[in-house]
Amino acid sequence: MTSFPTGPELFSLARQRRQEQFGDRITFSPKVFIPLTMLCQDRCGYCTFAQPPARLEAPYLSPEQVLEIAHQGALMGCHEALFTLGERPELRYPLAADWLKEHGYTSTIDYLAAMAQLVLDETGLLPHANAGALSQDELQQLRSVSPSQGMMVESLVPDLACHRGAPDKDPARRLATLEAAGRLAIPFTTGILVGIGEERLDRIAALEAIAAAHL
């Protein structure tokens, strides 16, 4: 495994690389968050986003609610609509599966694609889909309506206690998603989580795997 500097030396090298690449220029893209569903198949020990059905008024935001949030974001000067959602809740909750079927959608990803298209058409905001571990076909489906996508790799440690109830956090699945996004030339955000039970060498290994996926 590659040996990395630590502490002040690491910070100095990072600062040097940043200045060489970007100088003093800072860019940002204001975005509005659209929590399409807070239901999730996974049960991650650190998550504060996912909620059980009893705490939600409905399994998914309606198209009207999605547009209301998007329009408010546009009025505030946002350029992007960041769709946040739990992963595949229809596989865990019959309520979610029934809602999708009643509204004519085959999956959460199918509904996400429709809502991204709606926001793009009605507001001009650029959808960013953060939908978790996806197949290449699902990534392709979202590619036509979402200029960028994202998914945190989180960690490559296969037996973290916090992921024991989270089938979507399988390291191989998440790396496969990252590699498929690269094959499809999808602008993609990713990263790792720190402090979920991993060690320093685990973090380095995950970052190296992310770097290798971009070669």
C-alpha atoms as a PDB file:
ATOM      1  CA  MET A   1       0.000   0.000   0.000  1.00  0.00           C
ATOM      2  CA  THR A   2       1.214   3.497  -0.786  1.00  0.00           C
ATOM      3  CA  SER A   3       2.831   5.407   2.094  1.00  0.00           C
ATOM      4  CA  PHE A   4       1.318   8.840   2.705  1.00  0.00           C
ATOM      5  CA  PRO A   5       2.686  11.797   4.676  1.00  0.00           C
ATOM      6  CA  THR A   6       0.721  12.932   7.703  1.00  0.00           C
ATOM      7  CA  GLY A   7       0.057  16.105   9.669  1.00  0.00           C
ATOM      8  CA  PRO A   8       1.624  19.411   8.609  1.00  0.00           C
ATOM      9  CA  GLU A   9       3.538  17.792   5.749  1.00  0.00           C
ATOM     10  CA  LEU A  10       0.331  16.414   4.256  1.00  0.00           C
ATOM     11  CA  PHE A  11      -1.451  19.756   4.612  1.00  0.00           C
ATOM     12  CA  SER A  12       1.444  21.543   2.938  1.00  0.00           C
ATOM     13  CA  LEU A  13       1.452  19.142  -0.014  1.00  0.00           C
ATOM     14  CA  ALA A  14      -2.326  19.396  -0.387  1.00  0.00           C
ATOM     15  CA  ARG A  15      -2.146  23.189  -0.363  1.00  0.00           C
ATOM     16  CA  GLN A  16       0.586  23.114  -3.006  1.00  0.00           C
ATOM     17  CA  ARG A  17      -1.437  20.810  -5.263  1.00  0.00           C
ATOM     18  CA  ARG A  18      -4.526  22.970  -4.861  1.00  0.00           C
ATOM     19  CA  GLN A  19      -2.669  26.142  -5.769  1.00  0.00           C
ATOM     20  CA  GLU A  20      -1.046  24.515  -8.787  1.00  0.00           C
ATOM     21  CA  GLN A  21      -4.381  23.250 -10.070  1.00  0.00           C
ATOM     22  CA  PHE A  22      -6.796  26.050  -9.171  1.00  0.00           C
ATOM     23  CA  GLY A  23      -4.873  29.018  -7.796  1.00  0.00           C
ATOM     24  CA  ASP A  24      -7.065  31.334  -5.733  1.00  0.00           C
ATOM     25  CA  ARG A  25     -10.202  30.711  -7.775  1.00  0.00           C
ATOM     26  CA  ILE A  26     -13.155  29.222  -5.898  1.00  0.00           C
ATOM     27  CA  THR A  27     -16.278  28.022  -7.691  1.00  0.00           C
ATOM     28  CA  PHE A  28     -19.581  26.819  -6.311  1.00  0.00           C
ATOM     29  CA  SER A  29     -23.032  25.913  -7.529  1.00  0.00           C
ATOM     30  CA  PRO A  30     -25.985  26.828  -5.274  1.00  0.00           C
ATOM     31  CA  LYS A  31     -28.390  23.925  -4.944  1.00  0.00           C
ATOM     32  CA  VAL A  32     -31.718  23.143  -3.352  1.00  0.00           C
ATOM     33  CA  PHE A  33     -32.230  19.783  -1.647  1.00  0.00           C
ATOM     34  CA  ILE A  34     -35.260  17.724  -2.656  1.00  0.00           C
ATOM     35  CA  PRO A  35     -35.772  14.751  -0.271  1.00  0.00           C
ATOM     36  CA  LEU A  36     -37.756  12.585  -2.687  1.00  0.00           C
ATOM     37  CA  THR A  37     -38.181   9.841  -0.090  1.00  0.00           C
ATOM     38  CA  MET A  38     -36.828   9.396   3.418  1.00  0.00           C
ATOM     39  CA  LEU A  39     -37.614   5.695   3.415  1.00  0.00           C
ATOM     40  CA  CYS A  40     -34.649   3.383   2.864  1.00  0.00           C
ATOM     41  CA  GLN A  41     -33.964  -0.310   2.508  1.00  0.00           C
ATOM     42  CA  ASP A  42     -30.770   0.054   4.541  1.00  0.00           C
ATOM     43  CA  ARG A  43     -30.372   0.455   8.287  1.00  0.00           C
ATOM     44  CA  CYS A  44     -27.055   2.271   8.795  1.00  0.00           C
ATOM     45  CA  GLY A  45     -25.961   2.872  12.366  1.00  0.00           C
ATOM     46  CA  TYR A  46     -24.973   6.504  11.788  1.00  0.00           C
ATOM     47  CA  CYS A  47     -27.805   7.709   9.544  1.00  0.00           C
ATOM     48  CA  THR A  48     -30.107  10.536  10.642  1.00  0.00           C
ATOM     49  CA  PHE A  49     -31.800  10.976   7.238  1.00  0.00           C
ATOM     50  CA  ALA A  50     -33.844   7.789   6.879  1.00  0.00           C
ATOM     51  CA  GLN A  51     -37.164   7.573   8.723  1.00  0.00           C
ATOM     52  CA  PRO A  52     -39.743   4.811   9.259  1.00  0.00           C
ATOM     53  CA  PRO A  53     -43.132   5.127   7.532  1.00  0.00           C
ATOM     54  CA  ALA A  54     -44.880   6.080  10.780  1.00  0.00           C
ATOM     55  CA  ARG A  55     -42.926   9.339  10.918  1.00  0.00           C
ATOM     56  CA  LEU A  56     -43.762  10.393   7.361  1.00  0.00           C
ATOM     57  CA  GLU A  57     -46.954  11.795   5.887  1.00  0.00           C
ATOM     58  CA  ALA A  58     -46.364   9.887   2.637  1.00  0.00           C
ATOM     59  CA  PRO A  59     -43.741   7.482   1.278  1.00  0.00           C
ATOM     60  CA  TYR A  60     -42.645   9.915  -1.451  1.00  0.00           C
ATOM     61  CA  LEU A  61     -42.949  13.592  -2.228  1.00  0.00           C
ATOM     62  CA  SER A  62     -45.654  14.244  -4.792  1.00  0.00           C
ATOM     63  CA  PRO A  63     -44.809  15.921  -8.116  1.00  0.00           C
ATOM     64  CA  GLU A  64     -46.475  19.080  -6.794  1.00  0.00           C
ATOM     65  CA  GLN A  65     -44.275  19.071  -3.692  1.00  0.00           C
ATOM     66  CA  VAL A  66     -41.170  18.453  -5.780  1.00  0.00           C
ATOM     67  CA  LEU A  67     -41.978  21.414  -8.015  1.00  0.00           C
ATOM     68  CA  GLU A  68     -42.780  23.662  -5.056  1.00  0.00           C
ATOM     69  CA  ILE A  69     -39.349  23.022  -3.535  1.00  0.00           C
ATOM     70  CA  ALA A  70     -37.638  23.438  -6.900  1.00  0.00           C
ATOM     71  CA  HIS A  71     -39.400  26.732  -7.646  1.00  0.00           C
ATOM     72  CA  GLN A  72     -38.453  28.075  -4.204  1.00  0.00           C
ATOM     73  CA  GLY A  73     -34.850  27.110  -4.864  1.00  0.00           C
ATOM     74  CA  ALA A  74     -34.865  28.823  -8.243  1.00  0.00           C
ATOM     75  CA  LEU A  75     -36.243  32.014  -6.677  1.00  0.00           C
ATOM     76  CA  MET A  76     -33.398  31.932  -4.143  1.00  0.00           C
ATOM     77  CA  GLY A  77     -30.806  31.746  -6.907  1.00  0.00           C
ATOM     78  CA  CYS A  78     -30.101  28.017  -6.957  1.00  0.00           C
ATOM     79  CA  HIS A  79     -28.752  26.423 -10.128  1.00  0.00           C
ATOM     80  CA  GLU A  80     -29.087  22.753  -9.172  1.00  0.00           C
ATOM     81  CA  ALA A  81     -31.734  20.489  -7.679  1.00  0.00           C
ATOM     82  CA  LEU A  82     -30.073  17.856  -5.502  1.00  0.00           C
ATOM     83  CA  PHE A  83     -32.349  14.846  -5.181  1.00  0.00           C
ATOM     84  CA  THR A  84     -31.661  13.014  -1.932  1.00  0.00           C
ATOM     85  CA  LEU A  85     -33.369   9.731  -1.167  1.00  0.00           C
ATOM     86  CA  GLY A  86     -33.105   6.429   0.619  1.00  0.00           C
ATOM     87  CA  GLU A  87     -31.959   3.416  -1.364  1.00  0.00           C
ATOM     88  CA  ARG A  88     -34.631   1.092  -2.806  1.00  0.00           C
ATOM     89  CA  PRO A  89     -37.243   1.478  -0.042  1.00  0.00           C
ATOM     90  CA  GLU A  90     -39.749  -0.540  -2.066  1.00  0.00           C
ATOM     91  CA  LEU A  91     -37.708  -3.667  -1.282  1.00  0.00           C
ATOM     92  CA  ARG A  92     -38.268  -3.197   2.446  1.00  0.00           C
ATOM     93  CA  TYR A  93     -41.581  -1.399   2.798  1.00  0.00           C
ATOM     94  CA  PRO A  94     -44.773  -2.660   1.073  1.00  0.00           C
ATOM     95  CA  LEU A  95     -46.146   0.861   1.547  1.00  0.00           C
ATOM     96  CA  ALA A  96     -43.466   2.231  -0.790  1.00  0.00           C
ATOM     97  CA  ALA A  97     -43.955  -0.532  -3.359  1.00  0.00           C
ATOM     98  CA  ASP A  98     -47.719   0.027  -3.340  1.00  0.00           C
ATOM     99  CA  TRP A  99     -47.333   3.803  -3.756  1.00  0.00           C
ATOM    100  CA  LEU A 100     -45.071   3.383  -6.766  1.00  0.00           C
ATOM    101  CA  LYS A 101     -47.417   0.870  -8.388  1.00  0.00           C
ATOM    102  CA  GLU A 102     -50.481   3.050  -7.784  1.00  0.00           C
ATOM    103  CA  HIS A 103     -48.753   6.015  -9.405  1.00  0.00           C
ATOM    104  CA  GLY A 104     -47.488   4.074 -12.418  1.00  0.00           C
ATOM    105  CA  TYR A 105     -43.804   3.657 -11.564  1.00  0.00           C
ATOM    106  CA  THR A 106     -41.789   0.460 -11.510  1.00  0.00           C
ATOM    107  CA  SER A 107     -39.203   1.542  -8.937  1.00  0.00           C
ATOM    108  CA  THR A 108     -37.879   4.448  -6.916  1.00  0.00           C
ATOM    109  CA  ILE A 109     -35.313   5.073  -9.658  1.00  0.00           C
ATOM    110  CA  ASP A 110     -38.099   5.212 -12.242  1.00  0.00           C
ATOM    111  CA  TYR A 111     -39.910   7.840 -10.168  1.00  0.00           C
ATOM    112  CA  LEU A 112     -36.675   9.758  -9.594  1.00  0.00           C
ATOM    113  CA  ALA A 113     -36.056   9.932 -13.346  1.00  0.00           C
ATOM    114  CA  ALA A 114     -39.564  11.291 -13.904  1.00  0.00           C
ATOM    115  CA  MET A 115     -39.177  13.946 -11.201  1.00  0.00           C
ATOM    116  CA  ALA A 116     -35.760  14.985 -12.488  1.00  0.00           C
ATOM    117  CA  GLN A 117     -37.273  15.459 -15.944  1.00  0.00           C
ATOM    118  CA  LEU A 118     -40.142  17.452 -14.425  1.00  0.00           C
ATOM    119  CA  VAL A 119     -37.798  19.807 -12.562  1.00  0.00           C
ATOM    120  CA  LEU A 120     -35.605  20.231 -15.626  1.00  0.00           C
ATOM    121  CA  ASP A 121     -38.584  21.053 -17.838  1.00  0.00           C
ATOM    122  CA  GLU A 122     -40.468  23.310 -15.433  1.00  0.00           C
ATOM    123  CA  THR A 123     -37.719  25.216 -13.611  1.00  0.00           C
ATOM    124  CA  GLY A 124     -34.491  24.949 -15.597  1.00  0.00           C
ATOM    125  CA  LEU A 125     -32.631  23.760 -12.503  1.00  0.00           C
ATOM    126  CA  LEU A 126     -30.079  21.053 -13.250  1.00  0.00           C
ATOM    127  CA  PRO A 127     -30.972  17.832 -11.416  1.00  0.00           C
ATOM    128  CA  HIS A 128     -28.236  16.008  -9.500  1.00  0.00           C
ATOM    129  CA  ALA A 129     -29.251  12.458  -8.578  1.00  0.00           C
ATOM    130  CA  ASN A 130     -27.795  10.984  -5.398  1.00  0.00           C
ATOM    131  CA  ALA A 131     -29.487   7.599  -5.549  1.00  0.00           C
ATOM    132  CA  GLY A 132     -26.918   5.179  -4.118  1.00  0.00           C
ATOM    133  CA  ALA A 133     -25.626   1.934  -5.598  1.00  0.00           C
ATOM    134  CA  LEU A 134     -27.127   1.543  -9.074  1.00  0.00           C
ATOM    135  CA  SER A 135     -26.850  -0.780 -12.033  1.00  0.00           C
ATOM    136  CA  GLN A 136     -25.459   0.471 -15.324  1.00  0.00           C
ATOM    137  CA  ASP A 137     -28.966   0.494 -16.803  1.00  0.00           C
ATOM    138  CA  GLU A 138     -30.242   2.638 -13.924  1.00  0.00           C
ATOM    139  CA  LEU A 139     -27.334   5.040 -14.285  1.00  0.00           C
ATOM    140  CA  GLN A 140     -28.099   5.279 -17.996  1.00  0.00           C
ATOM    141  CA  GLN A 141     -31.770   5.968 -17.288  1.00  0.00           C
ATOM    142  CA  LEU A 142     -30.854   8.884 -15.026  1.00  0.00           C
ATOM    143  CA  ARG A 143     -28.137  10.158 -17.343  1.00  0.00           C
ATOM    144  CA  SER A 144     -30.663  11.562 -19.810  1.00  0.00           C
ATOM    145  CA  VAL A 145     -32.365  13.736 -17.172  1.00  0.00           C
ATOM    146  CA  SER A 146     -29.593  14.412 -14.660  1.00  0.00           C
ATOM    147  CA  PRO A 147     -26.395  16.176 -15.805  1.00  0.00           C
ATOM    148  CA  SER A 148     -24.532  14.801 -12.788  1.00  0.00           C
ATOM    149  CA  GLN A 149     -24.925  12.023 -10.255  1.00  0.00           C
ATOM    150  CA  GLY A 150     -23.276  10.946  -7.037  1.00  0.00           C
ATOM    151  CA  MET A 151     -22.818   8.190  -4.477  1.00  0.00           C
ATOM    152  CA  MET A 152     -20.522   7.924  -1.488  1.00  0.00           C
ATOM    153  CA  VAL A 153     -18.308   4.842  -1.575  1.00  0.00           C
ATOM    154  CA  GLU A 154     -18.172   5.266   2.227  1.00  0.00           C
ATOM    155  CA  SER A 155     -15.760   2.430   3.062  1.00  0.00           C
ATOM    156  CA  LEU A 156     -14.314  -0.758   1.615  1.00  0.00           C
ATOM    157  CA  VAL A 157     -14.416  -2.548   4.972  1.00  0.00           C
ATOM    158  CA  PRO A 158     -16.935  -5.357   4.360  1.00  0.00           C
ATOM    159  CA  ASP A 159     -17.935  -6.059   7.963  1.00  0.00           C
ATOM    160  CA  LEU A 160     -18.480  -2.682   9.604  1.00  0.00           C
ATOM    161  CA  ALA A 161     -20.992  -2.991  12.430  1.00  0.00           C
ATOM    162  CA  CYS A 162     -22.886   0.077  11.203  1.00  0.00           C
ATOM    163  CA  HIS A 163     -23.515  -1.577   7.814  1.00  0.00           C
ATOM    164  CA  ARG A 164     -24.780  -4.969   8.983  1.00  0.00           C
ATOM    165  CA  GLY A 165     -28.337  -4.000   8.137  1.00  0.00           C
ATOM    166  CA  ALA A 166     -27.408  -2.281   4.889  1.00  0.00           C
ATOM    167  CA  PRO A 167     -27.211  -4.530   1.799  1.00  0.00           C
ATOM    168  CA  ASP A 168     -26.610  -1.528  -0.474  1.00  0.00           C
ATOM    169  CA  LYS A 169     -23.373  -0.683   1.345  1.00  0.00           C
ATOM    170  CA  ASP A 170     -21.565  -3.744  -0.011  1.00  0.00           C
ATOM    171  CA  PRO A 171     -18.161  -2.381  -1.137  1.00  0.00           C
ATOM    172  CA  ALA A 172     -18.155  -4.343  -4.403  1.00  0.00           C
ATOM    173  CA  ARG A 173     -21.575  -2.951  -5.373  1.00  0.00           C
ATOM    174  CA  ARG A 174     -20.529   0.603  -4.701  1.00  0.00           C
ATOM    175  CA  LEU A 175     -17.264   0.321  -6.611  1.00  0.00           C
ATOM    176  CA  ALA A 176     -19.160  -1.287  -9.495  1.00  0.00           C
ATOM    177  CA  THR A 177     -21.497   1.721  -9.547  1.00  0.00           C
ATOM    178  CA  LEU A 178     -18.547   4.106  -9.640  1.00  0.00           C
ATOM    179  CA  GLU A 179     -16.896   2.200 -12.484  1.00  0.00           C
ATOM    180  CA  ALA A 180     -20.145   1.988 -14.470  1.00  0.00           C
ATOM    181  CA  ALA A 181     -20.627   5.738 -14.115  1.00  0.00           C
ATOM    182  CA  GLY A 182     -17.152   6.200 -15.546  1.00  0.00           C
ATOM    183  CA  ARG A 183     -17.923   3.983 -18.530  1.00  0.00           C
ATOM    184  CA  LEU A 184     -21.014   6.082 -19.203  1.00  0.00           C
ATOM    185  CA  ALA A 185     -19.034   9.341 -18.867  1.00  0.00           C
ATOM    186  CA  ILE A 186     -21.324  10.612 -16.104  1.00  0.00           C
ATOM    187  CA  PRO A 187     -19.979  13.534 -14.047  1.00  0.00           C
ATOM    188  CA  PHE A 188     -19.952  11.899 -10.637  1.00  0.00           C
ATOM    189  CA  THR A 189     -19.317  12.947  -7.046  1.00  0.00           C
ATOM    190  CA  THR A 190     -18.081  10.440  -4.486  1.00  0.00           C
ATOM    191  CA  GLY A 191     -16.050  10.135  -1.326  1.00  0.00           C
ATOM    192  CA  ILE A 192     -15.639   8.257   1.934  1.00  0.00           C
ATOM    193  CA  LEU A 193     -17.075   8.505   5.437  1.00  0.00           C
ATOM    194  CA  VAL A 194     -14.775   9.030   8.399  1.00  0.00           C
ATOM    195  CA  GLY A 195     -15.443   7.791  11.904  1.00  0.00           C
ATOM    196  CA  ILE A 196     -17.872   4.933  11.201  1.00  0.00           C
ATOM    197  CA  GLY A 197     -15.627   2.192  12.571  1.00  0.00           C
ATOM    198  CA  GLU A 198     -12.883   2.167   9.949  1.00  0.00           C
ATOM    199  CA  GLU A 199      -9.176   2.741  10.573  1.00  0.00           C
ATOM    200  CA  ARG A 200      -6.692   5.073   8.883  1.00  0.00           C
ATOM    201  CA  LEU A 201      -5.390   2.406   6.505  1.00  0.00           C
ATOM    202  CA  ASP A 202      -8.985   1.599   5.531  1.00  0.00           C
ATOM    203  CA  ARG A 203      -9.523   5.218   4.540  1.00  0.00           C
ATOM    204  CA  ILE A 204      -6.347   5.218   2.457  1.00  0.00           C
ATOM    205  CA  ALA A 205      -7.381   1.988   0.717  1.00  0.00           C
ATOM    206  CA  ALA A 206     -10.796   3.438  -0.132  1.00  0.00           C
ATOM    207  CA  LEU A 207      -9.292   6.639  -1.538  1.00  0.00           C
ATOM    208  CA  GLU A 208      -6.835   4.629  -3.624  1.00  0.00           C
ATOM    209  CA  ALA A 209      -9.695   2.518  -4.995  1.00  0.00           C
ATOM    210  CA  ILE A 210     -11.600   5.666  -5.948  1.00  0.00           C
ATOM    211  CA  ALA A 211      -8.517   7.035  -7.686  1.00  0.00           C
ATOM    212  CA  ALA A 212      -7.981   3.746  -9.532  1.00  0.00           C
ATOM    213  CA  ALA A 213     -11.591   3.762 -10.744  1.00  0.00           C
ATOM    214  CA  HIS A 214     -10.882   7.006 -12.610  1.00  0.00           C
ATOM    215  CA  LEU A 215      -7.920   5.670 -14.588  1.00  0.00           C
END
